[in-house]
Amino acid sequence: MLTDDEFNRYQRQVTLPEISEQGQVKLSQSHVLMIGCGGLGSAASLYLAASGVGKLIIIDDDDVELSNLHRQVVYRDKDISSSKTQAMTSQLLALNPDVKIRSLDKRLSKSQLELEVMLADIVLDCSDNMPTRQMINQVCLEQNTDLISAAAIGWLGQFCAFDFSSKRESSACYRCLYPFDEVDQARKCTELGVIGPVVGILGNYQALAAIQKLATGRFHFKVPMLHRFDGLQMQWQYLSITKDKQCKVCS
């Protein structure tokens, strides 16, 4: 049961028939692991905390820089040179002090990641490099933990969710979509640039998918499917992700 204060805080969510009080209670009991506290993580974390998730674990080893602020909207000018995880924790607790937040300001080894994923109900991959994404995908598959991944560069963004908790054997994984461990290092926002709202849209997409799965027990859209967003044309494109029978992770 929700307290009176909780009901007042989440009233607009509780009113939705797909969530109701029961779904809000499930959110309050959930454990979310978010890897990456940049632009994607900034947007996703704000809405996850505001929605009332119970536990939020945030991981990043970077400090806040001036060049981050146009797209990493959880931070403020006063946070420059501070740890991203510490600055984010402060902002999220100011938004919703009822959320339990644990921060790790370091890159995790695979064994450490395995432990964190094992404890989580769902994982948001908000990282910015292919090796990390591939390791997260492998560990989530092995642990039967749902994964929500996104990325953005320039005016373009992409999103995909993997229902590993119930479709582990038949479903494709992230490596089926990108069967390599590295990408051209020039494909970074430092060289190609990135428009802030595109990153925010994709981070919000991640939060929305996580909230609906945690509160209602399922994804209400087809998974796995690649959602591609073109910020210049303001268009979405949807592509099915086929399971690779030669995939060294899921086959």
C-alpha atoms as a PDB file:
ATOM      1  CA  MET A   1       0.000   0.000   0.000  1.00  0.00           C
ATOM      2  CA  LEU A   2       1.078   3.541  -0.712  1.00  0.00           C
ATOM      3  CA  THR A   3       1.300   6.153   2.020  1.00  0.00           C
ATOM      4  CA  ASP A   4      -0.725   9.343   1.662  1.00  0.00           C
ATOM      5  CA  ASP A   5       2.389  11.273   0.643  1.00  0.00           C
ATOM      6  CA  GLU A   6       3.323   8.633  -1.936  1.00  0.00           C
ATOM      7  CA  PHE A   7      -0.188   8.665  -3.371  1.00  0.00           C
ATOM      8  CA  ASN A   8      -0.090  12.447  -3.704  1.00  0.00           C
ATOM      9  CA  ARG A   9       3.363  12.402  -5.316  1.00  0.00           C
ATOM     10  CA  TYR A  10       2.518   9.698  -7.860  1.00  0.00           C
ATOM     11  CA  GLN A  11      -1.192  10.387  -8.281  1.00  0.00           C
ATOM     12  CA  ARG A  12      -0.973  11.078 -12.032  1.00  0.00           C
ATOM     13  CA  GLN A  13       0.800   7.745 -12.576  1.00  0.00           C
ATOM     14  CA  VAL A  14      -1.446   5.782 -10.255  1.00  0.00           C
ATOM     15  CA  THR A  15      -4.474   7.075 -12.163  1.00  0.00           C
ATOM     16  CA  LEU A  16      -3.303   5.241 -15.280  1.00  0.00           C
ATOM     17  CA  PRO A  17      -5.128   1.870 -15.430  1.00  0.00           C
ATOM     18  CA  GLU A  18      -1.998   0.111 -16.709  1.00  0.00           C
ATOM     19  CA  ILE A  19      -0.115   1.147 -13.559  1.00  0.00           C
ATOM     20  CA  SER A  20      -2.601   1.744 -10.720  1.00  0.00           C
ATOM     21  CA  GLU A  21      -1.526   1.498  -7.101  1.00  0.00           C
ATOM     22  CA  GLN A  22      -0.257  -2.036  -7.602  1.00  0.00           C
ATOM     23  CA  GLY A  23       2.123  -0.951 -10.351  1.00  0.00           C
ATOM     24  CA  GLN A  24       3.370   1.968  -8.296  1.00  0.00           C
ATOM     25  CA  VAL A  25       4.162  -0.393  -5.443  1.00  0.00           C
ATOM     26  CA  LYS A  26       6.115  -2.577  -7.884  1.00  0.00           C
ATOM     27  CA  LEU A  27       8.090   0.491  -8.971  1.00  0.00           C
ATOM     28  CA  SER A  28       8.865   1.327  -5.347  1.00  0.00           C
ATOM     29  CA  GLN A  29      10.234  -2.201  -4.879  1.00  0.00           C
ATOM     30  CA  SER A  30      12.315  -2.224  -8.070  1.00  0.00           C
ATOM     31  CA  HIS A  31      16.092  -2.265  -8.400  1.00  0.00           C
ATOM     32  CA  VAL A  32      17.473  -0.479 -11.484  1.00  0.00           C
ATOM     33  CA  LEU A  33      21.077  -0.523 -12.652  1.00  0.00           C
ATOM     34  CA  MET A  34      22.111   2.383 -14.902  1.00  0.00           C
ATOM     35  CA  ILE A  35      25.569   2.321 -16.496  1.00  0.00           C
ATOM     36  CA  GLY A  36      26.693   5.699 -17.808  1.00  0.00           C
ATOM     37  CA  CYS A  37      25.876   9.142 -16.400  1.00  0.00           C
ATOM     38  CA  GLY A  38      26.245  11.214 -19.560  1.00  0.00           C
ATOM     39  CA  GLY A  39      23.463  12.621 -21.750  1.00  0.00           C
ATOM     40  CA  LEU A  40      21.413   9.422 -21.882  1.00  0.00           C
ATOM     41  CA  GLY A  41      21.818   8.754 -18.177  1.00  0.00           C
ATOM     42  CA  SER A  42      20.995  12.352 -17.289  1.00  0.00           C
ATOM     43  CA  ALA A  43      17.580  12.173 -18.923  1.00  0.00           C
ATOM     44  CA  ALA A  44      16.811   8.590 -17.906  1.00  0.00           C
ATOM     45  CA  SER A  45      17.816   9.038 -14.266  1.00  0.00           C
ATOM     46  CA  LEU A  46      15.642  12.120 -13.755  1.00  0.00           C
ATOM     47  CA  TYR A  47      12.505  10.343 -14.892  1.00  0.00           C
ATOM     48  CA  LEU A  48      13.337   7.099 -13.112  1.00  0.00           C
ATOM     49  CA  ALA A  49      13.812   8.957  -9.834  1.00  0.00           C
ATOM     50  CA  ALA A  50      10.715  11.072 -10.397  1.00  0.00           C
ATOM     51  CA  SER A  51       8.641   7.971 -11.153  1.00  0.00           C
ATOM     52  CA  GLY A  52       9.518   6.426  -7.795  1.00  0.00           C
ATOM     53  CA  VAL A  53      11.802   3.496  -8.508  1.00  0.00           C
ATOM     54  CA  GLY A  54      12.957   1.958  -5.253  1.00  0.00           C
ATOM     55  CA  LYS A  55      16.699   1.542  -5.793  1.00  0.00           C
ATOM     56  CA  LEU A  56      18.836   3.163  -8.484  1.00  0.00           C
ATOM     57  CA  ILE A  57      22.457   2.160  -8.915  1.00  0.00           C
ATOM     58  CA  ILE A  58      24.464   4.589 -11.079  1.00  0.00           C
ATOM     59  CA  ILE A  59      27.921   3.874 -12.496  1.00  0.00           C
ATOM     60  CA  ASP A  60      30.368   6.233 -14.221  1.00  0.00           C
ATOM     61  CA  ASP A  61      34.046   7.098 -13.773  1.00  0.00           C
ATOM     62  CA  ASP A  62      34.012  10.613 -15.293  1.00  0.00           C
ATOM     63  CA  ASP A  63      33.923  14.108 -13.828  1.00  0.00           C
ATOM     64  CA  VAL A  64      31.594  16.872 -15.027  1.00  0.00           C
ATOM     65  CA  GLU A  65      33.084  19.137 -17.704  1.00  0.00           C
ATOM     66  CA  LEU A  66      31.829  22.431 -19.109  1.00  0.00           C
ATOM     67  CA  SER A  67      31.295  20.825 -22.538  1.00  0.00           C
ATOM     68  CA  ASN A  68      28.880  18.313 -20.977  1.00  0.00           C
ATOM     69  CA  LEU A  69      26.290  20.818 -19.866  1.00  0.00           C
ATOM     70  CA  HIS A  70      24.482  21.421 -23.174  1.00  0.00           C
ATOM     71  CA  ARG A  71      23.172  17.837 -23.194  1.00  0.00           C
ATOM     72  CA  GLN A  72      23.786  16.332 -19.733  1.00  0.00           C
ATOM     73  CA  VAL A  73      20.986  18.272 -18.120  1.00  0.00           C
ATOM     74  CA  VAL A  74      21.106  16.720 -14.670  1.00  0.00           C
ATOM     75  CA  TYR A  75      24.269  18.724 -13.910  1.00  0.00           C
ATOM     76  CA  ARG A  76      24.751  22.396 -13.057  1.00  0.00           C
ATOM     77  CA  ASP A  77      27.605  24.813 -13.587  1.00  0.00           C
ATOM     78  CA  LYS A  78      28.642  24.418  -9.962  1.00  0.00           C
ATOM     79  CA  ASP A  79      29.190  20.677 -10.575  1.00  0.00           C
ATOM     80  CA  ILE A  80      32.114  21.194 -12.982  1.00  0.00           C
ATOM     81  CA  SER A  81      35.105  19.051 -11.902  1.00  0.00           C
ATOM     82  CA  SER A  82      32.904  17.040  -9.537  1.00  0.00           C
ATOM     83  CA  SER A  83      32.298  13.322  -9.905  1.00  0.00           C
ATOM     84  CA  LYS A  84      29.325  12.726 -12.195  1.00  0.00           C
ATOM     85  CA  THR A  85      27.887  10.078  -9.912  1.00  0.00           C
ATOM     86  CA  GLN A  86      28.086  12.325  -6.847  1.00  0.00           C
ATOM     87  CA  ALA A  87      26.610  15.319  -8.670  1.00  0.00           C
ATOM     88  CA  MET A  88      23.833  13.190 -10.151  1.00  0.00           C
ATOM     89  CA  THR A  89      23.026  11.647  -6.776  1.00  0.00           C
ATOM     90  CA  SER A  90      22.628  15.103  -5.258  1.00  0.00           C
ATOM     91  CA  GLN A  91      20.253  16.260  -7.988  1.00  0.00           C
ATOM     92  CA  LEU A  92      18.144  13.081  -7.932  1.00  0.00           C
ATOM     93  CA  LEU A  93      17.735  13.144  -4.165  1.00  0.00           C
ATOM     94  CA  ALA A  94      16.686  16.790  -4.369  1.00  0.00           C
ATOM     95  CA  LEU A  95      14.028  15.704  -6.861  1.00  0.00           C
ATOM     96  CA  ASN A  96      12.850  12.656  -4.896  1.00  0.00           C
ATOM     97  CA  PRO A  97      14.412  11.927  -1.495  1.00  0.00           C
ATOM     98  CA  ASP A  98      12.541   8.614  -1.220  1.00  0.00           C
ATOM     99  CA  VAL A  99      14.659   6.931  -3.911  1.00  0.00           C
ATOM    100  CA  LYS A 100      17.611   4.937  -2.596  1.00  0.00           C
ATOM    101  CA  ILE A 101      20.664   5.712  -4.724  1.00  0.00           C
ATOM    102  CA  ARG A 102      24.034   3.971  -4.684  1.00  0.00           C
ATOM    103  CA  SER A 103      26.811   5.347  -6.877  1.00  0.00           C
ATOM    104  CA  LEU A 104      30.011   3.775  -8.149  1.00  0.00           C
ATOM    105  CA  ASP A 105      32.532   6.194  -9.660  1.00  0.00           C
ATOM    106  CA  LYS A 106      34.687   3.606 -11.418  1.00  0.00           C
ATOM    107  CA  ARG A 107      34.648   1.252 -14.375  1.00  0.00           C
ATOM    108  CA  LEU A 108      33.627  -2.226 -13.344  1.00  0.00           C
ATOM    109  CA  SER A 109      35.393  -5.439 -14.154  1.00  0.00           C
ATOM    110  CA  LYS A 110      33.243  -8.184 -15.627  1.00  0.00           C
ATOM    111  CA  SER A 111      33.014  -9.962 -12.274  1.00  0.00           C
ATOM    112  CA  GLN A 112      31.871  -6.753 -10.553  1.00  0.00           C
ATOM    113  CA  LEU A 113      29.340  -6.104 -13.310  1.00  0.00           C
ATOM    114  CA  GLU A 114      28.009  -9.647 -12.947  1.00  0.00           C
ATOM    115  CA  LEU A 115      27.297  -9.019  -9.274  1.00  0.00           C
ATOM    116  CA  GLU A 116      25.525  -5.710  -9.943  1.00  0.00           C
ATOM    117  CA  VAL A 117      23.414  -7.197 -12.761  1.00  0.00           C
ATOM    118  CA  MET A 118      22.493 -10.187 -10.605  1.00  0.00           C
ATOM    119  CA  LEU A 119      20.976  -7.808  -8.021  1.00  0.00           C
ATOM    120  CA  ALA A 120      19.085  -5.706 -10.584  1.00  0.00           C
ATOM    121  CA  ASP A 121      15.595  -6.112 -12.037  1.00  0.00           C
ATOM    122  CA  ILE A 122      16.514  -4.224 -15.203  1.00  0.00           C
ATOM    123  CA  VAL A 123      19.635  -2.632 -16.710  1.00  0.00           C
ATOM    124  CA  LEU A 124      19.909   0.604 -18.672  1.00  0.00           C
ATOM    125  CA  ASP A 125      22.975   0.793 -20.896  1.00  0.00           C
ATOM    126  CA  CYS A 126      23.723   4.512 -21.178  1.00  0.00           C
ATOM    127  CA  SER A 127      27.415   3.995 -21.922  1.00  0.00           C
ATOM    128  CA  ASP A 128      29.326   5.555 -24.801  1.00  0.00           C
ATOM    129  CA  ASN A 129      31.638   2.820 -26.107  1.00  0.00           C
ATOM    130  CA  MET A 130      31.227  -0.526 -27.849  1.00  0.00           C
ATOM    131  CA  PRO A 131      33.344  -2.746 -25.547  1.00  0.00           C
ATOM    132  CA  THR A 132      31.240  -1.705 -22.557  1.00  0.00           C
ATOM    133  CA  ARG A 133      27.982  -2.242 -24.454  1.00  0.00           C
ATOM    134  CA  GLN A 134      29.045  -5.708 -25.534  1.00  0.00           C
ATOM    135  CA  MET A 135      30.080  -6.699 -22.013  1.00  0.00           C
ATOM    136  CA  ILE A 136      26.790  -5.411 -20.576  1.00  0.00           C
ATOM    137  CA  ASN A 137      24.858  -7.360 -23.212  1.00  0.00           C
ATOM    138  CA  GLN A 138      26.703 -10.594 -22.457  1.00  0.00           C
ATOM    139  CA  VAL A 139      26.290 -10.308 -18.697  1.00  0.00           C
ATOM    140  CA  CYS A 140      22.582  -9.405 -18.926  1.00  0.00           C
ATOM    141  CA  LEU A 141      21.968 -12.398 -21.203  1.00  0.00           C
ATOM    142  CA  GLU A 142      23.832 -14.729 -18.863  1.00  0.00           C
ATOM    143  CA  GLN A 143      21.929 -13.362 -15.843  1.00  0.00           C
ATOM    144  CA  ASN A 144      18.495 -13.369 -17.579  1.00  0.00           C
ATOM    145  CA  THR A 145      18.160  -9.649 -16.833  1.00  0.00           C
ATOM    146  CA  ASP A 146      16.287  -7.288 -19.153  1.00  0.00           C
ATOM    147  CA  LEU A 147      18.471  -4.773 -20.997  1.00  0.00           C
ATOM    148  CA  ILE A 148      17.518  -1.377 -22.417  1.00  0.00           C
ATOM    149  CA  SER A 149      20.168   0.171 -24.645  1.00  0.00           C
ATOM    150  CA  ALA A 150      20.443   3.497 -26.464  1.00  0.00           C
ATOM    151  CA  ALA A 151      23.008   5.655 -28.246  1.00  0.00           C
ATOM    152  CA  ALA A 152      23.137   9.033 -29.988  1.00  0.00           C
ATOM    153  CA  ILE A 153      25.502  10.922 -32.278  1.00  0.00           C
ATOM    154  CA  GLY A 154      24.982  14.057 -34.333  1.00  0.00           C
ATOM    155  CA  TRP A 155      21.259  14.329 -35.091  1.00  0.00           C
ATOM    156  CA  LEU A 156      20.718  10.562 -34.893  1.00  0.00           C
ATOM    157  CA  GLY A 157      19.731   8.235 -32.075  1.00  0.00           C
ATOM    158  CA  GLN A 158      18.850   4.593 -31.605  1.00  0.00           C
ATOM    159  CA  PHE A 159      17.095   2.491 -28.982  1.00  0.00           C
ATOM    160  CA  CYS A 160      16.528  -1.222 -28.431  1.00  0.00           C
ATOM    161  CA  ALA A 161      15.258  -3.366 -25.571  1.00  0.00           C
ATOM    162  CA  PHE A 162      16.007  -7.032 -24.903  1.00  0.00           C
ATOM    163  CA  ASP A 163      13.577  -9.149 -22.880  1.00  0.00           C
ATOM    164  CA  PHE A 164      16.187 -11.551 -21.551  1.00  0.00           C
ATOM    165  CA  SER A 165      14.131 -12.422 -18.471  1.00  0.00           C
ATOM    166  CA  SER A 166      11.469 -14.279 -20.461  1.00  0.00           C
ATOM    167  CA  LYS A 167      12.806 -14.749 -24.020  1.00  0.00           C
ATOM    168  CA  ARG A 168      16.442 -15.617 -23.457  1.00  0.00           C
ATOM    169  CA  GLU A 169      16.648 -18.638 -25.751  1.00  0.00           C
ATOM    170  CA  SER A 170      14.686 -17.351 -28.747  1.00  0.00           C
ATOM    171  CA  SER A 171      15.560 -13.671 -28.694  1.00  0.00           C
ATOM    172  CA  ALA A 172      18.364 -11.851 -30.476  1.00  0.00           C
ATOM    173  CA  CYS A 173      20.913  -9.915 -28.440  1.00  0.00           C
ATOM    174  CA  TYR A 174      22.927  -6.723 -28.945  1.00  0.00           C
ATOM    175  CA  ARG A 175      25.800  -8.630 -30.562  1.00  0.00           C
ATOM    176  CA  CYS A 176      23.402  -9.976 -33.193  1.00  0.00           C
ATOM    177  CA  LEU A 177      22.842  -6.329 -34.141  1.00  0.00           C
ATOM    178  CA  TYR A 178      26.505  -5.239 -33.854  1.00  0.00           C
ATOM    179  CA  PRO A 179      28.804  -8.299 -34.139  1.00  0.00           C
ATOM    180  CA  PHE A 180      32.018  -6.443 -33.304  1.00  0.00           C
ATOM    181  CA  ASP A 181      33.813  -5.048 -30.280  1.00  0.00           C
ATOM    182  CA  GLU A 182      35.119  -1.755 -31.623  1.00  0.00           C
ATOM    183  CA  VAL A 183      33.859   1.072 -33.827  1.00  0.00           C
ATOM    184  CA  ASP A 184      35.715   3.810 -35.686  1.00  0.00           C
ATOM    185  CA  GLN A 185      37.035   6.081 -32.948  1.00  0.00           C
ATOM    186  CA  ALA A 186      36.221   9.081 -35.124  1.00  0.00           C
ATOM    187  CA  ARG A 187      32.563   8.268 -34.489  1.00  0.00           C
ATOM    188  CA  LYS A 188      32.586  10.205 -31.252  1.00  0.00           C
ATOM    189  CA  CYS A 189      30.576  13.272 -30.328  1.00  0.00           C
ATOM    190  CA  THR A 190      33.853  15.149 -29.763  1.00  0.00           C
ATOM    191  CA  GLU A 191      34.551  14.890 -33.507  1.00  0.00           C
ATOM    192  CA  LEU A 192      31.068  14.633 -35.037  1.00  0.00           C
ATOM    193  CA  GLY A 193      29.116  16.651 -32.503  1.00  0.00           C
ATOM    194  CA  VAL A 194      25.753  15.857 -30.969  1.00  0.00           C
ATOM    195  CA  ILE A 195      22.551  17.831 -30.494  1.00  0.00           C
ATOM    196  CA  GLY A 196      21.367  17.802 -26.885  1.00  0.00           C
ATOM    197  CA  PRO A 197      17.622  17.098 -27.288  1.00  0.00           C
ATOM    198  CA  VAL A 198      18.295  13.976 -29.377  1.00  0.00           C
ATOM    199  CA  VAL A 199      20.251  12.493 -26.472  1.00  0.00           C
ATOM    200  CA  GLY A 200      17.436  13.482 -24.116  1.00  0.00           C
ATOM    201  CA  ILE A 201      14.788  11.850 -26.312  1.00  0.00           C
ATOM    202  CA  LEU A 202      16.658   8.554 -26.327  1.00  0.00           C
ATOM    203  CA  GLY A 203      17.312   8.684 -22.573  1.00  0.00           C
ATOM    204  CA  ASN A 204      13.633   9.345 -21.938  1.00  0.00           C
ATOM    205  CA  TYR A 205      12.794   6.419 -24.209  1.00  0.00           C
ATOM    206  CA  GLN A 206      14.935   4.215 -21.977  1.00  0.00           C
ATOM    207  CA  ALA A 207      13.230   5.463 -18.828  1.00  0.00           C
ATOM    208  CA  LEU A 208       9.773   4.982 -20.344  1.00  0.00           C
ATOM    209  CA  ALA A 209      10.537   1.390 -21.359  1.00  0.00           C
ATOM    210  CA  ALA A 210      11.940   0.593 -17.914  1.00  0.00           C
ATOM    211  CA  ILE A 211       8.972   2.104 -16.085  1.00  0.00           C
ATOM    212  CA  GLN A 212       6.408   0.210 -18.145  1.00  0.00           C
ATOM    213  CA  LYS A 213       8.232  -3.120 -17.694  1.00  0.00           C
ATOM    214  CA  LEU A 214       8.739  -2.657 -13.965  1.00  0.00           C
ATOM    215  CA  ALA A 215       5.221  -1.367 -13.255  1.00  0.00           C
ATOM    216  CA  THR A 216       3.205  -3.595 -15.591  1.00  0.00           C
ATOM    217  CA  GLY A 217       5.391  -6.673 -15.870  1.00  0.00           C
ATOM    218  CA  ARG A 218       6.005  -6.502 -19.617  1.00  0.00           C
ATOM    219  CA  PHE A 219       7.173  -4.380 -22.512  1.00  0.00           C
ATOM    220  CA  HIS A 220       4.183  -3.016 -24.437  1.00  0.00           C
ATOM    221  CA  PHE A 221       6.065  -2.900 -27.735  1.00  0.00           C
ATOM    222  CA  LYS A 222       7.769  -5.465 -29.936  1.00  0.00           C
ATOM    223  CA  VAL A 223      11.178  -6.598 -28.695  1.00  0.00           C
ATOM    224  CA  PRO A 224      13.841  -6.818 -29.838  1.00  0.00           C
ATOM    225  CA  MET A 225      13.474  -4.080 -32.430  1.00  0.00           C
ATOM    226  CA  LEU A 226      15.801  -1.251 -33.389  1.00  0.00           C
ATOM    227  CA  HIS A 227      14.206   2.189 -33.078  1.00  0.00           C
ATOM    228  CA  ARG A 228      16.144   4.799 -35.075  1.00  0.00           C
ATOM    229  CA  PHE A 229      15.486   8.514 -34.673  1.00  0.00           C
ATOM    230  CA  ASP A 230      16.466  11.241 -37.149  1.00  0.00           C
ATOM    231  CA  GLY A 231      16.385  14.579 -35.359  1.00  0.00           C
ATOM    232  CA  LEU A 232      16.712  16.623 -38.536  1.00  0.00           C
ATOM    233  CA  GLN A 233      13.789  14.950 -40.285  1.00  0.00           C
ATOM    234  CA  MET A 234      11.897  14.350 -37.007  1.00  0.00           C
ATOM    235  CA  GLN A 235      11.258  10.775 -38.075  1.00  0.00           C
ATOM    236  CA  TRP A 236      11.389   7.336 -36.470  1.00  0.00           C
ATOM    237  CA  GLN A 237      12.321   4.137 -38.300  1.00  0.00           C
ATOM    238  CA  TYR A 238      11.767   0.637 -36.929  1.00  0.00           C
ATOM    239  CA  LEU A 239      13.841  -2.403 -37.899  1.00  0.00           C
ATOM    240  CA  SER A 240      13.489  -5.975 -36.633  1.00  0.00           C
ATOM    241  CA  ILE A 241      16.573  -7.502 -35.034  1.00  0.00           C
ATOM    242  CA  THR A 242      17.110 -11.053 -36.276  1.00  0.00           C
ATOM    243  CA  LYS A 243      18.847 -13.633 -34.125  1.00  0.00           C
ATOM    244  CA  ASP A 244      22.275 -14.463 -35.562  1.00  0.00           C
ATOM    245  CA  LYS A 245      22.697 -18.229 -35.529  1.00  0.00           C
ATOM    246  CA  GLN A 246      26.470 -17.687 -35.443  1.00  0.00           C
ATOM    247  CA  CYS A 247      26.364 -15.195 -32.561  1.00  0.00           C
ATOM    248  CA  LYS A 248      28.997 -16.139 -30.002  1.00  0.00           C
ATOM    249  CA  VAL A 249      26.927 -14.737 -27.156  1.00  0.00           C
ATOM    250  CA  CYS A 250      23.336 -15.915 -27.614  1.00  0.00           C
ATOM    251  CA  SER A 251      23.584 -18.872 -30.032  1.00  0.00           C
END
